[in-house]
Amino acid sequence: MYRQILIHQEHRNYQRILCRDSPEKELLHFQLNTVTYGTTSAPFQATRGLQELANISGAKHPQASQVIAQDFYVDDLITGPHSISICQEIQREVTMILQSAGMTLHKWCANSPQLIG
């Protein structure tokens, strides 16, 4: 999920990598544009991004927004409505909300074959 979250342009200078193949060669500069896995702030940035998506879409999709805000554990969405039809609706809305931010859910798993496919 981290690589799907873009860092604001003005903050990208704080995510630089400097490297070179040997001491004689010139330094190469790379600027990271997305949240970097393994950094101290990465879990917060990912969680905060999801919270913001839930806030933005809350009025139009209240049920899916609540699922996004409350049912993610790290980068896994773990939820369970009481009916297949509600689950299909949540699945469709959550997918749409996350895709609007350039995030795609992968590896669906469910107890009902109707939800996978």
C-alpha atoms as a PDB file:
ATOM      1  CA  MET A   1       0.000   0.000   0.000  1.00  0.00           C
ATOM      2  CA  TYR A   2       2.834   2.386   0.820  1.00  0.00           C
ATOM      3  CA  ARG A   3       4.004   2.640  -2.789  1.00  0.00           C
ATOM      4  CA  GLN A   4       0.512   3.788  -3.796  1.00  0.00           C
ATOM      5  CA  ILE A   5       0.613   6.900  -1.614  1.00  0.00           C
ATOM      6  CA  LEU A   6       2.266   9.900  -3.242  1.00  0.00           C
ATOM      7  CA  ILE A   7       4.237  12.357  -1.151  1.00  0.00           C
ATOM      8  CA  HIS A   8       3.476  16.042  -1.690  1.00  0.00           C
ATOM      9  CA  GLN A   9       5.988  17.649  -4.066  1.00  0.00           C
ATOM     10  CA  GLU A  10       7.421  20.037  -1.461  1.00  0.00           C
ATOM     11  CA  HIS A  11       8.191  17.146   0.932  1.00  0.00           C
ATOM     12  CA  ARG A  12       9.967  14.883  -1.556  1.00  0.00           C
ATOM     13  CA  ASN A  13      13.340  16.524  -0.919  1.00  0.00           C
ATOM     14  CA  TYR A  14      13.317  14.857   2.491  1.00  0.00           C
ATOM     15  CA  GLN A  15      13.231  11.449   0.829  1.00  0.00           C
ATOM     16  CA  ARG A  16      16.457  11.317  -1.106  1.00  0.00           C
ATOM     17  CA  ILE A  17      18.805   8.445  -1.768  1.00  0.00           C
ATOM     18  CA  LEU A  18      22.450   9.110  -2.555  1.00  0.00           C
ATOM     19  CA  CYS A  19      24.578   6.314  -3.962  1.00  0.00           C
ATOM     20  CA  ARG A  20      27.490   5.476  -6.211  1.00  0.00           C
ATOM     21  CA  ASP A  21      29.108   2.324  -7.513  1.00  0.00           C
ATOM     22  CA  SER A  22      32.594   3.223  -6.325  1.00  0.00           C
ATOM     23  CA  PRO A  23      34.314   6.077  -4.444  1.00  0.00           C
ATOM     24  CA  GLU A  24      35.748   7.405  -7.714  1.00  0.00           C
ATOM     25  CA  LYS A  25      32.364   7.861  -9.359  1.00  0.00           C
ATOM     26  CA  GLU A  26      30.056  10.816  -8.944  1.00  0.00           C
ATOM     27  CA  LEU A  27      27.149  10.561  -6.509  1.00  0.00           C
ATOM     28  CA  LEU A  28      23.781   9.658  -7.979  1.00  0.00           C
ATOM     29  CA  HIS A  29      20.724  11.418  -6.534  1.00  0.00           C
ATOM     30  CA  PHE A  30      17.315   9.775  -6.390  1.00  0.00           C
ATOM     31  CA  GLN A  31      14.178  11.364  -5.037  1.00  0.00           C
ATOM     32  CA  LEU A  32      11.426   9.085  -3.740  1.00  0.00           C
ATOM     33  CA  ASN A  33       7.908  10.130  -4.681  1.00  0.00           C
ATOM     34  CA  THR A  34       5.904   7.662  -2.597  1.00  0.00           C
ATOM     35  CA  VAL A  35       5.742   6.600   1.034  1.00  0.00           C
ATOM     36  CA  THR A  36       8.771   4.434   1.710  1.00  0.00           C
ATOM     37  CA  TYR A  37       8.285   1.090   3.420  1.00  0.00           C
ATOM     38  CA  GLY A  38      10.401   0.752   6.544  1.00  0.00           C
ATOM     39  CA  THR A  39      10.522   4.425   7.470  1.00  0.00           C
ATOM     40  CA  THR A  40       9.240   5.423  10.882  1.00  0.00           C
ATOM     41  CA  SER A  41       6.446   7.557   9.465  1.00  0.00           C
ATOM     42  CA  ALA A  42       5.180   5.061   6.849  1.00  0.00           C
ATOM     43  CA  PRO A  43       2.462   3.395   8.973  1.00  0.00           C
ATOM     44  CA  PHE A  44       1.148   6.772  10.104  1.00  0.00           C
ATOM     45  CA  GLN A  45       1.124   8.153   6.554  1.00  0.00           C
ATOM     46  CA  ALA A  46      -0.745   5.120   5.231  1.00  0.00           C
ATOM     47  CA  THR A  47      -3.284   5.178   8.057  1.00  0.00           C
ATOM     48  CA  ARG A  48      -3.744   8.928   7.776  1.00  0.00           C
ATOM     49  CA  GLY A  49      -4.306   8.620   4.035  1.00  0.00           C
ATOM     50  CA  LEU A  50      -7.048   6.061   4.606  1.00  0.00           C
ATOM     51  CA  GLN A  51      -8.635   8.234   7.302  1.00  0.00           C
ATOM     52  CA  GLU A  52      -8.674  11.200   4.921  1.00  0.00           C
ATOM     53  CA  LEU A  53     -10.317   9.110   2.200  1.00  0.00           C
ATOM     54  CA  ALA A  54     -12.961   8.016   4.703  1.00  0.00           C
ATOM     55  CA  ASN A  55     -13.595  11.649   5.708  1.00  0.00           C
ATOM     56  CA  ILE A  56     -13.818  12.867   2.114  1.00  0.00           C
ATOM     57  CA  SER A  57     -16.246  10.160   1.014  1.00  0.00           C
ATOM     58  CA  GLY A  58     -18.287  10.004   4.233  1.00  0.00           C
ATOM     59  CA  ALA A  59     -21.283  12.004   3.021  1.00  0.00           C
ATOM     60  CA  LYS A  60     -21.714  10.095  -0.233  1.00  0.00           C
ATOM     61  CA  HIS A  61     -20.789   6.599   0.999  1.00  0.00           C
ATOM     62  CA  PRO A  62     -21.233   6.485   4.792  1.00  0.00           C
ATOM     63  CA  GLN A  63     -21.125   2.706   5.177  1.00  0.00           C
ATOM     64  CA  ALA A  64     -18.018   2.222   3.024  1.00  0.00           C
ATOM     65  CA  SER A  65     -16.332   5.204   4.683  1.00  0.00           C
ATOM     66  CA  GLN A  66     -16.905   3.676   8.099  1.00  0.00           C
ATOM     67  CA  VAL A  67     -15.392   0.399   6.883  1.00  0.00           C
ATOM     68  CA  ILE A  68     -12.318   2.240   5.550  1.00  0.00           C
ATOM     69  CA  ALA A  69     -11.938   4.201   8.783  1.00  0.00           C
ATOM     70  CA  GLN A  70     -12.380   1.266  11.161  1.00  0.00           C
ATOM     71  CA  ASP A  71     -11.716  -2.068   9.454  1.00  0.00           C
ATOM     72  CA  PHE A  72      -8.188  -1.769   8.075  1.00  0.00           C
ATOM     73  CA  TYR A  73      -5.371  -3.510   9.928  1.00  0.00           C
ATOM     74  CA  VAL A  74      -2.068  -2.248   8.512  1.00  0.00           C
ATOM     75  CA  ASP A  75      -2.827  -2.727   4.790  1.00  0.00           C
ATOM     76  CA  ASP A  76      -5.476  -5.442   5.100  1.00  0.00           C
ATOM     77  CA  LEU A  77      -9.191  -4.710   5.018  1.00  0.00           C
ATOM     78  CA  ILE A  78     -10.929  -7.099   7.405  1.00  0.00           C
ATOM     79  CA  THR A  79     -14.678  -6.650   7.598  1.00  0.00           C
ATOM     80  CA  GLY A  80     -17.813  -8.751   7.777  1.00  0.00           C
ATOM     81  CA  PRO A  81     -21.353  -7.535   7.227  1.00  0.00           C
ATOM     82  CA  HIS A  82     -24.285  -9.804   8.047  1.00  0.00           C
ATOM     83  CA  SER A  83     -25.530 -10.297   4.495  1.00  0.00           C
ATOM     84  CA  ILE A  84     -24.045 -11.013   1.085  1.00  0.00           C
ATOM     85  CA  SER A  85     -25.864  -8.075  -0.545  1.00  0.00           C
ATOM     86  CA  ILE A  86     -24.523  -5.559   1.994  1.00  0.00           C
ATOM     87  CA  CYS A  87     -21.053  -7.030   1.640  1.00  0.00           C
ATOM     88  CA  GLN A  88     -21.225  -6.706  -2.166  1.00  0.00           C
ATOM     89  CA  GLU A  89     -22.304  -3.082  -1.827  1.00  0.00           C
ATOM     90  CA  ILE A  90     -19.470  -2.324   0.617  1.00  0.00           C
ATOM     91  CA  GLN A  91     -16.992  -4.139  -1.622  1.00  0.00           C
ATOM     92  CA  ARG A  92     -18.080  -2.088  -4.641  1.00  0.00           C
ATOM     93  CA  GLU A  93     -18.029   1.252  -2.770  1.00  0.00           C
ATOM     94  CA  VAL A  94     -14.726   0.665  -0.947  1.00  0.00           C
ATOM     95  CA  THR A  95     -13.107  -0.390  -4.226  1.00  0.00           C
ATOM     96  CA  MET A  96     -14.429   2.747  -5.943  1.00  0.00           C
ATOM     97  CA  ILE A  97     -13.284   5.066  -3.125  1.00  0.00           C
ATOM     98  CA  LEU A  98      -9.793   3.597  -2.989  1.00  0.00           C
ATOM     99  CA  GLN A  99      -9.441   3.581  -6.781  1.00  0.00           C
ATOM    100  CA  SER A 100     -10.365   7.270  -6.838  1.00  0.00           C
ATOM    101  CA  ALA A 101      -7.158   7.807  -4.844  1.00  0.00           C
ATOM    102  CA  GLY A 102      -5.088   5.490  -7.044  1.00  0.00           C
ATOM    103  CA  MET A 103      -5.177   2.580  -4.596  1.00  0.00           C
ATOM    104  CA  THR A 104      -6.232  -0.902  -5.628  1.00  0.00           C
ATOM    105  CA  LEU A 105      -7.218  -3.716  -3.305  1.00  0.00           C
ATOM    106  CA  HIS A 106      -5.676  -7.077  -4.211  1.00  0.00           C
ATOM    107  CA  LYS A 107      -6.008 -10.647  -2.956  1.00  0.00           C
ATOM    108  CA  TRP A 108      -9.685 -10.832  -2.080  1.00  0.00           C
ATOM    109  CA  CYS A 109     -10.651 -13.571   0.359  1.00  0.00           C
ATOM    110  CA  ALA A 110     -14.176 -14.395   1.532  1.00  0.00           C
ATOM    111  CA  ASN A 111     -16.283 -17.194   2.973  1.00  0.00           C
ATOM    112  CA  SER A 112     -18.757 -16.827   0.110  1.00  0.00           C
ATOM    113  CA  PRO A 113     -17.825 -17.506  -3.535  1.00  0.00           C
ATOM    114  CA  GLN A 114     -20.335 -14.793  -4.561  1.00  0.00           C
ATOM    115  CA  LEU A 115     -17.936 -12.145  -3.261  1.00  0.00           C
ATOM    116  CA  ILE A 116     -14.900 -13.323  -5.194  1.00  0.00           C
ATOM    117  CA  GLY A 117     -15.048 -13.063  -8.894  1.00  0.00           C
END
